[in-house]
Amino acid sequence: VAVLRALIAGGFHITELVGTSVGAIVTAFYGAVGLDLDSLEAAG
């Protein structure tokens, strides 16, 4: 979550996101459920 925050703050446009294990959880809740990074951090 913190790495994604740094990438977005730095100007990267993330168009594809793939994850396995806990990476799959972050991917799904960010991309499909729509949680923002603050909400993901709070859940964690």
All heavy atoms as atom14 arrays in JSON, in Angstrom:
{
  "sequence": "VAVLRALIAGGFHITELVGTSVGAIVTAFYGAVGLDLDSLEAAG",
  "atom14_mask": [
    [1, 1, 1, 1, 1, 1, 1, 0, 0, 0, 0, 0, 0, 0],
    [1, 1, 1, 1, 1, 0, 0, 0, 0, 0, 0, 0, 0, 0],
    [1, 1, 1, 1, 1, 1, 1, 0, 0, 0, 0, 0, 0, 0],
    [1, 1, 1, 1, 1, 1, 1, 1, 0, 0, 0, 0, 0, 0],
    [1, 1, 1, 1, 1, 1, 1, 1, 1, 1, 1, 0, 0, 0],
    [1, 1, 1, 1, 1, 0, 0, 0, 0, 0, 0, 0, 0, 0],
    [1, 1, 1, 1, 1, 1, 1, 1, 0, 0, 0, 0, 0, 0],
    [1, 1, 1, 1, 1, 1, 1, 1, 0, 0, 0, 0, 0, 0],
    [1, 1, 1, 1, 1, 0, 0, 0, 0, 0, 0, 0, 0, 0],
    [1, 1, 1, 1, 0, 0, 0, 0, 0, 0, 0, 0, 0, 0],
    [1, 1, 1, 1, 0, 0, 0, 0, 0, 0, 0, 0, 0, 0],
    [1, 1, 1, 1, 1, 1, 1, 1, 1, 1, 1, 0, 0, 0],
    [1, 1, 1, 1, 1, 1, 1, 1, 1, 1, 0, 0, 0, 0],
    [1, 1, 1, 1, 1, 1, 1, 1, 0, 0, 0, 0, 0, 0],
    [1, 1, 1, 1, 1, 1, 1, 0, 0, 0, 0, 0, 0, 0],
    [1, 1, 1, 1, 1, 1, 1, 1, 1, 0, 0, 0, 0, 0],
    [1, 1, 1, 1, 1, 1, 1, 1, 0, 0, 0, 0, 0, 0],
    [1, 1, 1, 1, 1, 1, 1, 0, 0, 0, 0, 0, 0, 0],
    [1, 1, 1, 1, 0, 0, 0, 0, 0, 0, 0, 0, 0, 0],
    [1, 1, 1, 1, 1, 1, 1, 0, 0, 0, 0, 0, 0, 0],
    [1, 1, 1, 1, 1, 1, 0, 0, 0, 0, 0, 0, 0, 0],
    [1, 1, 1, 1, 1, 1, 1, 0, 0, 0, 0, 0, 0, 0],
    [1, 1, 1, 1, 0, 0, 0, 0, 0, 0, 0, 0, 0, 0],
    [1, 1, 1, 1, 1, 0, 0, 0, 0, 0, 0, 0, 0, 0],
    [1, 1, 1, 1, 1, 1, 1, 1, 0, 0, 0, 0, 0, 0],
    [1, 1, 1, 1, 1, 1, 1, 0, 0, 0, 0, 0, 0, 0],
    [1, 1, 1, 1, 1, 1, 1, 0, 0, 0, 0, 0, 0, 0],
    [1, 1, 1, 1, 1, 0, 0, 0, 0, 0, 0, 0, 0, 0],
    [1, 1, 1, 1, 1, 1, 1, 1, 1, 1, 1, 0, 0, 0],
    [1, 1, 1, 1, 1, 1, 1, 1, 1, 1, 1, 1, 0, 0],
    [1, 1, 1, 1, 0, 0, 0, 0, 0, 0, 0, 0, 0, 0],
    [1, 1, 1, 1, 1, 0, 0, 0, 0, 0, 0, 0, 0, 0],
    [1, 1, 1, 1, 1, 1, 1, 0, 0, 0, 0, 0, 0, 0],
    [1, 1, 1, 1, 0, 0, 0, 0, 0, 0, 0, 0, 0, 0],
    [1, 1, 1, 1, 1, 1, 1, 1, 0, 0, 0, 0, 0, 0],
    [1, 1, 1, 1, 1, 1, 1, 1, 0, 0, 0, 0, 0, 0],
    [1, 1, 1, 1, 1, 1, 1, 1, 0, 0, 0, 0, 0, 0],
    [1, 1, 1, 1, 1, 1, 1, 1, 0, 0, 0, 0, 0, 0],
    [1, 1, 1, 1, 1, 1, 0, 0, 0, 0, 0, 0, 0, 0],
    [1, 1, 1, 1, 1, 1, 1, 1, 0, 0, 0, 0, 0, 0],
    [1, 1, 1, 1, 1, 1, 1, 1, 1, 0, 0, 0, 0, 0],
    [1, 1, 1, 1, 1, 0, 0, 0, 0, 0, 0, 0, 0, 0],
    [1, 1, 1, 1, 1, 0, 0, 0, 0, 0, 0, 0, 0, 0],
    [1, 1, 1, 1, 0, 0, 0, 0, 0, 0, 0, 0, 0, 0]
  ],
  "atom14_positions": [
    [[0.84, -1.2, 0.0], [0.0, 0.0, 0.0], [0.87, 1.25, 0.0], [0.61, 2.21, -0.74], [-0.95, -0.01, 1.21], [-1.78, 1.27, 1.25], [-1.86, -1.23, 1.17], [0.0, 0.0, 0.0], [0.0, 0.0, 0.0], [0.0, 0.0, 0.0], [0.0, 0.0, 0.0], [0.0, 0.0, 0.0], [0.0, 0.0, 0.0], [0.0, 0.0, 0.0]],
    [[1.91, 1.24, 0.81], [2.8, 2.41, 0.88], [3.57, 2.6, -0.42], [3.81, 3.73, -0.85], [3.76, 2.25, 2.06], [0.0, 0.0, 0.0], [0.0, 0.0, 0.0], [0.0, 0.0, 0.0], [0.0, 0.0, 0.0], [0.0, 0.0, 0.0], [0.0, 0.0, 0.0], [0.0, 0.0, 0.0], [0.0, 0.0, 0.0], [0.0, 0.0, 0.0]],
    [[3.97, 1.5, -1.06], [4.68, 1.61, -2.34], [3.75, 2.19, -3.4], [4.14, 3.08, -4.18], [5.23, 0.24, -2.78], [5.82, 0.34, -4.2], [6.29, -0.25, -1.81], [0.0, 0.0, 0.0], [0.0, 0.0, 0.0], [0.0, 0.0, 0.0], [0.0, 0.0, 0.0], [0.0, 0.0, 0.0], [0.0, 0.0, 0.0], [0.0, 0.0, 0.0]],
    [[2.51, 1.7, -3.47], [1.56, 2.25, -4.43], [1.35, 3.74, -4.19], [1.27, 4.53, -5.15], [0.22, 1.51, -4.32], [0.19, 0.06, -4.8], [-1.18, -0.55, -4.52], [0.52, -0.04, -6.29], [0.0, 0.0, 0.0], [0.0, 0.0, 0.0], [0.0, 0.0, 0.0], [0.0, 0.0, 0.0], [0.0, 0.0, 0.0], [0.0, 0.0, 0.0]],
    [[1.28, 4.13, -2.93], [1.1, 5.55, -2.61], [2.27, 6.38, -3.16], [2.07, 7.46, -3.73], [0.97, 5.73, -1.1], [0.53, 7.13, -0.69], [0.6, 7.31, 0.83], [-0.28, 6.4, 1.54], [-1.58, 6.6, 1.72], [-2.16, 7.66, 1.2], [-2.3, 5.74, 2.42], [0.0, 0.0, 0.0], [0.0, 0.0, 0.0], [0.0, 0.0, 0.0]],
    [[3.49, 5.89, -2.99], [4.66, 6.61, -3.47], [4.67, 6.7, -5.0], [5.01, 7.75, -5.57], [5.93, 5.92, -2.98], [0.0, 0.0, 0.0], [0.0, 0.0, 0.0], [0.0, 0.0, 0.0], [0.0, 0.0, 0.0], [0.0, 0.0, 0.0], [0.0, 0.0, 0.0], [0.0, 0.0, 0.0], [0.0, 0.0, 0.0], [0.0, 0.0, 0.0]],
    [[4.28, 5.63, -5.67], [4.25, 5.64, -7.13], [3.24, 6.65, -7.66], [3.54, 7.42, -8.59], [3.9, 4.24, -7.65], [4.9, 3.13, -7.39], [4.33, 1.79, -7.83], [6.22, 3.4, -8.09], [0.0, 0.0, 0.0], [0.0, 0.0, 0.0], [0.0, 0.0, 0.0], [0.0, 0.0, 0.0], [0.0, 0.0, 0.0], [0.0, 0.0, 0.0]],
    [[2.06, 6.66, -7.07], [1.01, 7.56, -7.54], [1.38, 9.01, -7.23], [1.22, 9.9, -8.06], [-0.33, 7.17, -6.91], [-0.76, 5.81, -7.45], [-1.4, 8.22, -7.21], [-1.91, 5.18, -6.7], [0.0, 0.0, 0.0], [0.0, 0.0, 0.0], [0.0, 0.0, 0.0], [0.0, 0.0, 0.0], [0.0, 0.0, 0.0], [0.0, 0.0, 0.0]],
    [[1.91, 9.24, -6.02], [2.33, 10.6, -5.67], [3.45, 11.08, -6.58], [3.57, 12.28, -6.85], [2.8, 10.63, -4.21], [0.0, 0.0, 0.0], [0.0, 0.0, 0.0], [0.0, 0.0, 0.0], [0.0, 0.0, 0.0], [0.0, 0.0, 0.0], [0.0, 0.0, 0.0], [0.0, 0.0, 0.0], [0.0, 0.0, 0.0], [0.0, 0.0, 0.0]],
    [[4.26, 10.15, -7.07], [5.37, 10.5, -7.95], [4.97, 10.71, -9.39], [5.81, 11.04, -10.23], [0.0, 0.0, 0.0], [0.0, 0.0, 0.0], [0.0, 0.0, 0.0], [0.0, 0.0, 0.0], [0.0, 0.0, 0.0], [0.0, 0.0, 0.0], [0.0, 0.0, 0.0], [0.0, 0.0, 0.0], [0.0, 0.0, 0.0], [0.0, 0.0, 0.0]],
    [[3.7, 10.48, -9.72], [3.22, 10.78, -11.06], [3.0, 9.59, -11.96], [2.61, 9.75, -13.12], [0.0, 0.0, 0.0], [0.0, 0.0, 0.0], [0.0, 0.0, 0.0], [0.0, 0.0, 0.0], [0.0, 0.0, 0.0], [0.0, 0.0, 0.0], [0.0, 0.0, 0.0], [0.0, 0.0, 0.0], [0.0, 0.0, 0.0], [0.0, 0.0, 0.0]],
    [[3.21, 8.38, -11.47], [2.97, 7.21, -12.3], [1.47, 6.99, -12.49], [0.67, 7.2, -11.56], [3.57, 5.95, -11.67], [5.02, 5.76, -11.99], [5.98, 5.86, -10.99], [5.43, 5.46, -13.28], [7.32, 5.67, -11.27], [6.77, 5.28, -13.57], [7.72, 5.37, -12.56], [0.0, 0.0, 0.0], [0.0, 0.0, 0.0], [0.0, 0.0, 0.0]],
    [[1.12, 6.54, -13.67], [-0.27, 6.19, -13.99], [-0.36, 4.66, -14.05], [0.05, 4.05, -15.03], [-0.68, 6.8, -15.33], [-2.07, 6.44, -15.76], [-2.46, 6.41, -17.08], [-3.16, 6.08, -15.03], [-3.73, 6.05, -17.15], [-4.17, 5.86, -15.93], [0.0, 0.0, 0.0], [0.0, 0.0, 0.0], [0.0, 0.0, 0.0], [0.0, 0.0, 0.0]],
    [[-0.86, 4.06, -12.99], [-0.95, 2.61, -12.92], [-2.21, 2.16, -13.66], [-3.32, 2.49, -13.26], [-0.97, 2.12, -11.46], [0.28, 2.59, -10.72], [-1.07, 0.6, -11.4], [0.29, 2.28, -9.24], [0.0, 0.0, 0.0], [0.0, 0.0, 0.0], [0.0, 0.0, 0.0], [0.0, 0.0, 0.0], [0.0, 0.0, 0.0], [0.0, 0.0, 0.0]],
    [[-2.01, 1.42, -14.74], [-3.15, 0.97, -15.55], [-3.41, -0.52, -15.41], [-4.52, -0.98, -15.71], [-2.9, 1.28, -17.04], [-1.67, 0.66, -17.46], [-2.81, 2.78, -17.27], [0.0, 0.0, 0.0], [0.0, 0.0, 0.0], [0.0, 0.0, 0.0], [0.0, 0.0, 0.0], [0.0, 0.0, 0.0], [0.0, 0.0, 0.0], [0.0, 0.0, 0.0]],
    [[-2.41, -1.29, -14.97], [-2.58, -2.72, -14.78], [-2.0, -3.11, -13.43], [-0.91, -2.67, -13.05], [-1.87, -3.51, -15.89], [-2.42, -3.23, -17.27], [-1.72, -4.02, -18.37], [-0.51, -4.28, -18.23], [-2.38, -4.37, -19.35], [0.0, 0.0, 0.0], [0.0, 0.0, 0.0], [0.0, 0.0, 0.0], [0.0, 0.0, 0.0], [0.0, 0.0, 0.0]],
    [[-2.75, -3.94, -12.7], [-2.31, -4.35, -11.37], [-2.6, -5.83, -11.21], [-3.74, -6.28, -11.41], [-3.07, -3.54, -10.31], [-2.61, -3.66, -8.86], [-1.16, -3.21, -8.7], [-3.51, -2.82, -7.95], [0.0, 0.0, 0.0], [0.0, 0.0, 0.0], [0.0, 0.0, 0.0], [0.0, 0.0, 0.0], [0.0, 0.0, 0.0], [0.0, 0.0, 0.0]],
    [[-1.56, -6.59, -10.89], [-1.66, -8.04, -10.71], [-1.09, -8.4, -9.35], [-0.09, -7.8, -8.92], [-0.89, -8.79, -11.82], [-0.74, -10.27, -11.5], [-1.59, -8.62, -13.16], [0.0, 0.0, 0.0], [0.0, 0.0, 0.0], [0.0, 0.0, 0.0], [0.0, 0.0, 0.0], [0.0, 0.0, 0.0], [0.0, 0.0, 0.0], [0.0, 0.0, 0.0]],
    [[-1.71, -9.35, -8.67], [-1.19, -9.76, -7.38], [-1.43, -11.22, -7.08], [-2.36, -11.84, -7.61], [0.0, 0.0, 0.0], [0.0, 0.0, 0.0], [0.0, 0.0, 0.0], [0.0, 0.0, 0.0], [0.0, 0.0, 0.0], [0.0, 0.0, 0.0], [0.0, 0.0, 0.0], [0.0, 0.0, 0.0], [0.0, 0.0, 0.0], [0.0, 0.0, 0.0]],
    [[-0.58, -11.77, -6.25], [-0.79, -13.11, -5.73], [-0.73, -13.06, -4.21], [-0.08, -12.18, -3.63], [0.27, -14.09, -6.28], [-0.11, -15.42, -5.97], [1.66, -13.82, -5.71], [0.0, 0.0, 0.0], [0.0, 0.0, 0.0], [0.0, 0.0, 0.0], [0.0, 0.0, 0.0], [0.0, 0.0, 0.0], [0.0, 0.0, 0.0], [0.0, 0.0, 0.0]],
    [[-1.41, -13.99, -3.56], [-1.44, -14.05, -2.11], [-1.94, -12.71, -1.55], [-2.98, -12.22, -1.98], [-0.04, -14.41, -1.58], [-0.04, -14.67, -0.21], [0.0, 0.0, 0.0], [0.0, 0.0, 0.0], [0.0, 0.0, 0.0], [0.0, 0.0, 0.0], [0.0, 0.0, 0.0], [0.0, 0.0, 0.0], [0.0, 0.0, 0.0], [0.0, 0.0, 0.0]],
    [[-1.22, -12.09, -0.64], [-1.67, -10.81, -0.11], [-1.7, -9.75, -1.21], [-2.51, -8.82, -1.17], [-0.77, -10.36, 1.06], [0.64, -10.05, 0.58], [-1.37, -9.17, 1.78], [0.0, 0.0, 0.0], [0.0, 0.0, 0.0], [0.0, 0.0, 0.0], [0.0, 0.0, 0.0], [0.0, 0.0, 0.0], [0.0, 0.0, 0.0], [0.0, 0.0, 0.0]],
    [[-0.85, -9.9, -2.21], [-0.89, -8.98, -3.35], [-2.21, -9.05, -4.09], [-2.69, -8.05, -4.63], [0.0, 0.0, 0.0], [0.0, 0.0, 0.0], [0.0, 0.0, 0.0], [0.0, 0.0, 0.0], [0.0, 0.0, 0.0], [0.0, 0.0, 0.0], [0.0, 0.0, 0.0], [0.0, 0.0, 0.0], [0.0, 0.0, 0.0], [0.0, 0.0, 0.0]],
    [[-2.82, -10.24, -4.12], [-4.14, -10.39, -4.73], [-5.2, -9.65, -3.94], [-6.13, -9.07, -4.5], [-4.49, -11.87, -4.85], [0.0, 0.0, 0.0], [0.0, 0.0, 0.0], [0.0, 0.0, 0.0], [0.0, 0.0, 0.0], [0.0, 0.0, 0.0], [0.0, 0.0, 0.0], [0.0, 0.0, 0.0], [0.0, 0.0, 0.0], [0.0, 0.0, 0.0]],
    [[-5.07, -9.69, -2.62], [-6.03, -8.98, -1.76], [-5.96, -7.48, -2.02], [-6.98, -6.82, -2.21], [-5.75, -9.3, -0.28], [-6.0, -10.79, -0.01], [-6.61, -8.43, 0.63], [-5.61, -11.23, 1.4], [0.0, 0.0, 0.0], [0.0, 0.0, 0.0], [0.0, 0.0, 0.0], [0.0, 0.0, 0.0], [0.0, 0.0, 0.0], [0.0, 0.0, 0.0]],
    [[-4.75, -6.93, -2.02], [-4.58, -5.5, -2.28], [-5.11, -5.14, -3.66], [-5.83, -4.14, -3.84], [-3.11, -5.1, -2.13], [-2.91, -3.63, -2.52], [-2.61, -5.33, -0.7], [0.0, 0.0, 0.0], [0.0, 0.0, 0.0], [0.0, 0.0, 0.0], [0.0, 0.0, 0.0], [0.0, 0.0, 0.0], [0.0, 0.0, 0.0], [0.0, 0.0, 0.0]],
    [[-4.78, -5.95, -4.65], [-5.23, -5.7, -6.02], [-6.74, -5.66, -6.11], [-7.32, -4.73, -6.71], [-4.69, -6.8, -6.96], [-3.26, -6.72, -7.02], [-5.26, -6.67, -8.35], [0.0, 0.0, 0.0], [0.0, 0.0, 0.0], [0.0, 0.0, 0.0], [0.0, 0.0, 0.0], [0.0, 0.0, 0.0], [0.0, 0.0, 0.0], [0.0, 0.0, 0.0]],
    [[-7.41, -6.64, -5.53], [-8.86, -6.73, -5.64], [-9.57, -5.6, -4.91], [-10.53, -5.01, -5.42], [-9.33, -8.08, -5.13], [0.0, 0.0, 0.0], [0.0, 0.0, 0.0], [0.0, 0.0, 0.0], [0.0, 0.0, 0.0], [0.0, 0.0, 0.0], [0.0, 0.0, 0.0], [0.0, 0.0, 0.0], [0.0, 0.0, 0.0], [0.0, 0.0, 0.0]],
    [[-9.12, -5.3, -3.69], [-9.81, -4.27, -2.93], [-9.54, -2.88, -3.5], [-10.4, -2.0, -3.42], [-9.43, -4.34, -1.45], [-10.21, -5.38, -0.7], [-9.69, -6.64, -0.49], [-11.48, -5.11, -0.24], [-10.42, -7.61, 0.18], [-12.22, -6.05, 0.43], [-11.69, -7.32, 0.64], [0.0, 0.0, 0.0], [0.0, 0.0, 0.0], [0.0, 0.0, 0.0]],
    [[-8.39, -2.67, -4.09], [-8.09, -1.38, -4.7], [-8.78, -1.26, -6.06], [-9.45, -0.26, -6.34], [-6.57, -1.24, -4.86], [-6.11, 0.09, -5.4], [-6.21, 1.24, -4.64], [-5.57, 0.2, -6.68], [-5.79, 2.47, -5.12], [-5.14, 1.41, -7.17], [-5.24, 2.55, -6.4], [-4.82, 3.76, -6.89], [0.0, 0.0, 0.0], [0.0, 0.0, 0.0]],
    [[-8.63, -2.29, -6.89], [-9.11, -2.18, -8.25], [-10.58, -2.49, -8.43], [-11.27, -1.81, -9.21], [0.0, 0.0, 0.0], [0.0, 0.0, 0.0], [0.0, 0.0, 0.0], [0.0, 0.0, 0.0], [0.0, 0.0, 0.0], [0.0, 0.0, 0.0], [0.0, 0.0, 0.0], [0.0, 0.0, 0.0], [0.0, 0.0, 0.0], [0.0, 0.0, 0.0]],
    [[-11.11, -3.53, -7.76], [-12.49, -3.96, -7.97], [-13.45, -3.41, -6.93], [-14.52, -2.91, -7.26], [-12.55, -5.49, -8.0], [0.0, 0.0, 0.0], [0.0, 0.0, 0.0], [0.0, 0.0, 0.0], [0.0, 0.0, 0.0], [0.0, 0.0, 0.0], [0.0, 0.0, 0.0], [0.0, 0.0, 0.0], [0.0, 0.0, 0.0], [0.0, 0.0, 0.0]],
    [[-13.08, -3.5, -5.65], [-13.95, -2.96, -4.6], [-13.91, -1.43, -4.62], [-14.91, -0.76, -4.38], [-13.53, -3.5, -3.22], [-14.38, -2.87, -2.11], [-13.69, -5.03, -3.2], [0.0, 0.0, 0.0], [0.0, 0.0, 0.0], [0.0, 0.0, 0.0], [0.0, 0.0, 0.0], [0.0, 0.0, 0.0], [0.0, 0.0, 0.0], [0.0, 0.0, 0.0]],
    [[-12.72, -0.88, -4.89], [-12.6, 0.57, -5.01], [-12.11, 1.29, -3.78], [-12.2, 2.52, -3.69], [0.0, 0.0, 0.0], [0.0, 0.0, 0.0], [0.0, 0.0, 0.0], [0.0, 0.0, 0.0], [0.0, 0.0, 0.0], [0.0, 0.0, 0.0], [0.0, 0.0, 0.0], [0.0, 0.0, 0.0], [0.0, 0.0, 0.0], [0.0, 0.0, 0.0]],
    [[-11.57, 0.53, -2.8], [-11.03, 1.2, -1.62], [-9.85, 2.08, -2.03], [-9.04, 1.7, -2.88], [-10.55, 0.18, -0.59], [-11.6, -0.73, 0.05], [-10.94, -1.54, 1.17], [-12.77, 0.06, 0.59], [0.0, 0.0, 0.0], [0.0, 0.0, 0.0], [0.0, 0.0, 0.0], [0.0, 0.0, 0.0], [0.0, 0.0, 0.0], [0.0, 0.0, 0.0]],
    [[-9.75, 3.26, -1.43], [-8.58, 4.09, -1.68], [-7.44, 3.63, -0.77], [-7.61, 2.77, 0.09], [-8.9, 5.57, -1.51], [-9.4, 5.93, -0.12], [-9.1, 5.18, 0.85], [-10.08, 6.96, 0.02], [0.0, 0.0, 0.0], [0.0, 0.0, 0.0], [0.0, 0.0, 0.0], [0.0, 0.0, 0.0], [0.0, 0.0, 0.0], [0.0, 0.0, 0.0]],
    [[-6.28, 4.22, -0.96], [-5.11, 3.77, -0.21], [-5.24, 4.05, 1.28], [-4.75, 3.27, 2.1], [-3.85, 4.42, -0.78], [-3.52, 4.01, -2.23], [-2.29, 4.76, -2.72], [-3.3, 2.51, -2.34], [0.0, 0.0, 0.0], [0.0, 0.0, 0.0], [0.0, 0.0, 0.0], [0.0, 0.0, 0.0], [0.0, 0.0, 0.0], [0.0, 0.0, 0.0]],
    [[-5.9, 5.14, 1.64], [-6.12, 5.41, 3.06], [-6.96, 4.31, 3.7], [-6.68, 3.86, 4.82], [-6.82, 6.76, 3.25], [-5.9, 7.94, 2.98], [-4.66, 7.75, 3.0], [-6.42, 9.05, 2.75], [0.0, 0.0, 0.0], [0.0, 0.0, 0.0], [0.0, 0.0, 0.0], [0.0, 0.0, 0.0], [0.0, 0.0, 0.0], [0.0, 0.0, 0.0]],
    [[-8.0, 3.87, 2.99], [-8.87, 2.82, 3.53], [-8.15, 1.49, 3.61], [-8.33, 0.72, 4.57], [-10.13, 2.69, 2.66], [-10.87, 3.89, 2.65], [0.0, 0.0, 0.0], [0.0, 0.0, 0.0], [0.0, 0.0, 0.0], [0.0, 0.0, 0.0], [0.0, 0.0, 0.0], [0.0, 0.0, 0.0], [0.0, 0.0, 0.0], [0.0, 0.0, 0.0]],
    [[-7.33, 1.19, 2.62], [-6.53, -0.04, 2.66], [-5.56, -0.02, 3.83], [-5.38, -1.02, 4.53], [-5.77, -0.22, 1.34], [-6.57, -0.73, 0.15], [-5.75, -0.61, -1.12], [-7.01, -2.17, 0.38], [0.0, 0.0, 0.0], [0.0, 0.0, 0.0], [0.0, 0.0, 0.0], [0.0, 0.0, 0.0], [0.0, 0.0, 0.0], [0.0, 0.0, 0.0]],
    [[-4.93, 1.13, 4.03], [-4.0, 1.25, 5.15], [-4.73, 1.07, 6.48], [-4.24, 0.36, 7.38], [-3.3, 2.61, 5.11], [-2.35, 2.83, 6.26], [-1.64, 4.17, 6.2], [-1.36, 4.66, 5.08], [-1.36, 4.74, 7.28], [0.0, 0.0, 0.0], [0.0, 0.0, 0.0], [0.0, 0.0, 0.0], [0.0, 0.0, 0.0], [0.0, 0.0, 0.0]],
    [[-5.89, 1.68, 6.61], [-6.65, 1.56, 7.86], [-7.06, 0.12, 8.11], [-6.99, -0.37, 9.25], [-7.88, 2.46, 7.8], [0.0, 0.0, 0.0], [0.0, 0.0, 0.0], [0.0, 0.0, 0.0], [0.0, 0.0, 0.0], [0.0, 0.0, 0.0], [0.0, 0.0, 0.0], [0.0, 0.0, 0.0], [0.0, 0.0, 0.0], [0.0, 0.0, 0.0]],
    [[-7.47, -0.59, 7.06], [-7.85, -2.0, 7.21], [-6.67, -2.84, 7.64], [-6.79, -3.73, 8.5], [-8.43, -2.52, 5.9], [0.0, 0.0, 0.0], [0.0, 0.0, 0.0], [0.0, 0.0, 0.0], [0.0, 0.0, 0.0], [0.0, 0.0, 0.0], [0.0, 0.0, 0.0], [0.0, 0.0, 0.0], [0.0, 0.0, 0.0], [0.0, 0.0, 0.0]],
    [[-5.51, -2.55, 7.07], [-4.32, -3.3, 7.45], [-3.88, -3.03, 8.87], [-3.47, -3.94, 9.59], [0.0, 0.0, 0.0], [0.0, 0.0, 0.0], [0.0, 0.0, 0.0], [0.0, 0.0, 0.0], [0.0, 0.0, 0.0], [0.0, 0.0, 0.0], [0.0, 0.0, 0.0], [0.0, 0.0, 0.0], [0.0, 0.0, 0.0], [0.0, 0.0, 0.0]]
  ]
}
